[in-house]
Protein backbone atom coordinates (compact mmCIF):
# COMPACT_ATOMS: atom_id res chain seq x y z
CA MET A 1 16.41 -18.73 10.27
CA ASP A 2 14.44 -16.41 8.00
CA GLU A 3 14.43 -12.75 8.87
CA GLU A 4 10.96 -11.37 9.53
CA ILE A 5 9.81 -8.82 6.96
CA HIS A 6 8.47 -5.54 8.29
CA TYR A 7 6.36 -3.10 6.32
CA ILE A 8 7.16 0.44 7.45
CA VAL A 9 4.56 2.85 6.14
CA GLU A 10 6.88 5.86 6.22
CA ASP A 11 9.44 4.01 4.10
CA ALA A 12 6.73 2.81 1.74
CA ALA A 13 5.41 6.35 1.35
CA GLU A 14 8.90 7.66 0.53
CA VAL A 15 9.35 5.02 -2.17
CA VAL A 16 5.90 5.75 -3.58
CA TYR A 17 6.61 9.48 -3.62
CA GLU A 18 10.01 9.07 -5.29
CA ASN A 19 8.46 6.98 -8.06
CA LEU A 20 5.51 9.25 -8.80
CA GLY A 21 5.56 11.79 -11.59
CA ARG A 22 6.19 15.42 -10.67
CA LEU A 23 2.52 16.47 -10.84
CA MET A 24 1.52 13.63 -8.53
CA GLN A 25 4.34 14.60 -6.16
CA ILE A 26 3.02 18.15 -6.04
CA LYS A 27 -0.54 16.99 -5.39
CA PHE A 28 0.33 14.27 -2.86
CA PRO A 29 3.04 15.06 -0.32
CA VAL A 30 4.54 12.18 1.65
CA ALA A 31 2.23 12.93 4.60
CA ASP A 32 -0.84 12.34 2.41
CA ILE A 33 0.65 9.17 0.95
CA ILE A 34 1.18 7.87 4.49
CA LYS A 35 -2.49 8.55 5.24
CA ILE A 36 -3.56 6.78 2.04
CA LEU A 37 -1.41 3.73 2.79
CA ASP A 38 -2.73 3.70 6.36
CA LEU A 39 -6.26 3.60 4.95
CA GLU A 40 -5.26 0.66 2.78
CA PHE A 41 -3.96 -1.10 5.91
CA GLU A 42 -7.18 -0.20 7.73
CA TYR A 43 -9.12 -1.98 4.99
CA GLN A 44 -6.83 -5.01 5.22
CA LYS A 45 -7.40 -5.19 8.98
CA LEU A 46 -11.15 -4.81 8.47
CA VAL A 47 -11.29 -7.83 6.17
CA GLY A 48 -8.86 -9.86 8.27
CA VAL A 49 -5.89 -9.87 5.90
CA ALA A 50 -3.54 -7.91 8.14
CA SER A 51 -3.19 -7.19 11.82
CA GLU A 52 -0.99 -5.13 14.09
CA LYS A 53 0.44 -8.29 15.64
CA LYS A 54 1.56 -10.06 12.46
CA SER A 55 3.95 -8.38 10.07
CA ILE A 56 2.72 -10.41 7.10
CA SER A 57 -0.30 -12.58 6.49
CA ASN A 58 -0.70 -16.12 5.26
CA TYR A 59 -0.45 -16.64 1.52
CA PRO A 60 -1.99 -16.55 -0.96
CA VAL A 61 -3.89 -13.36 -0.23
CA THR A 62 -6.74 -12.30 -2.46
CA LEU A 63 -8.09 -8.78 -2.17
CA ASP A 64 -11.04 -7.30 -4.01
CA THR A 65 -9.31 -4.38 -5.72
CA GLU A 66 -12.58 -2.63 -6.51
CA GLU A 67 -13.67 -2.89 -2.89
CA ILE A 68 -10.37 -1.66 -1.46
CA THR A 69 -10.28 1.21 -3.96
CA ALA A 70 -13.83 2.26 -3.08
CA PHE A 71 -13.04 2.03 0.65
CA VAL A 72 -9.88 4.14 0.39
CA LEU A 73 -11.51 6.71 -1.91
CA ARG A 74 -14.41 7.11 0.52
CA LYS A 75 -12.09 7.43 3.52
CA CYS A 76 -9.85 9.91 1.68
CA LYS A 77 -12.88 12.08 1.02
CA ASP A 78 -13.78 11.88 4.72
CA ILE A 79 -10.34 13.17 5.76
CA GLY A 80 -10.09 15.82 3.05
CA ILE A 81 -7.72 14.17 0.57
CA VAL A 82 -8.98 14.83 -2.94
CA ILE A 83 -7.93 11.91 -5.11
CA ARG A 84 -9.24 10.30 -8.27
CA GLU A 85 -9.44 6.55 -8.76
CA ASP A 86 -6.63 6.54 -11.34
CA GLU A 87 -4.38 8.49 -8.96
CA LEU A 88 -5.07 6.04 -6.15
CA GLU A 89 -4.32 3.11 -8.45
CA GLU A 90 -1.01 4.73 -9.36
CA ILE A 91 -0.11 5.08 -5.68
CA PHE A 92 -0.97 1.42 -5.11
CA GLU A 93 1.14 0.45 -8.15
CA LYS A 94 4.12 2.39 -6.81
CA GLU A 95 3.68 0.71 -3.44
CA PHE A 96 4.50 -2.58 -5.17
CA ILE A 97 8.01 -1.24 -5.76
CA TYR A 98 8.45 -1.00 -1.99
CA LEU A 99 6.89 -4.42 -1.41
CA GLU A 100 9.35 -5.93 -3.88
CA MET A 101 12.27 -4.03 -2.31
CA ILE A 102 11.61 -5.47 1.15
CA GLY A 103 11.00 -8.96 -0.23
CA LEU A 104 7.35 -9.13 0.68
CA ILE A 105 6.25 -10.00 -2.84
CA ASP A 106 7.85 -11.55 -5.87
CA ASP A 107 7.91 -9.20 -8.84
CA GLU A 108 6.63 -11.88 -11.22
CA ASP A 109 3.65 -13.43 -9.50
CA GLY A 110 3.02 -11.33 -6.40
CA LEU A 111 3.95 -14.16 -4.05
CA PRO A 112 6.48 -13.88 -1.24
CA HIS A 113 10.09 -14.64 -1.97
CA LEU A 114 10.93 -18.06 -0.65
CA ASN A 115 14.71 -17.88 -0.83
């Protein structure tokens, strides 16, 4: 029986933080990274990709990266997090490290591990 994969935002934020450069770490404490990742999840729920009840969604998943970036940037502004698009993209890139660590995506093609 396959073990269910759980995304834990606090763990993801720690991995993101640890893999950011020092200047990004100074600008974005773990608490802000958690908020940013929560906004990403909010977008995923809004478009029906993720839900509170399911730990992972059906594959393949296609997200409009421009749309999610615009959504998160707008929401960050609303809650007082000052972030540029390139900084947000770096946070999303570092999140992939966590997704690979927990086995949610394959590091080569972005698909879930099947073994």
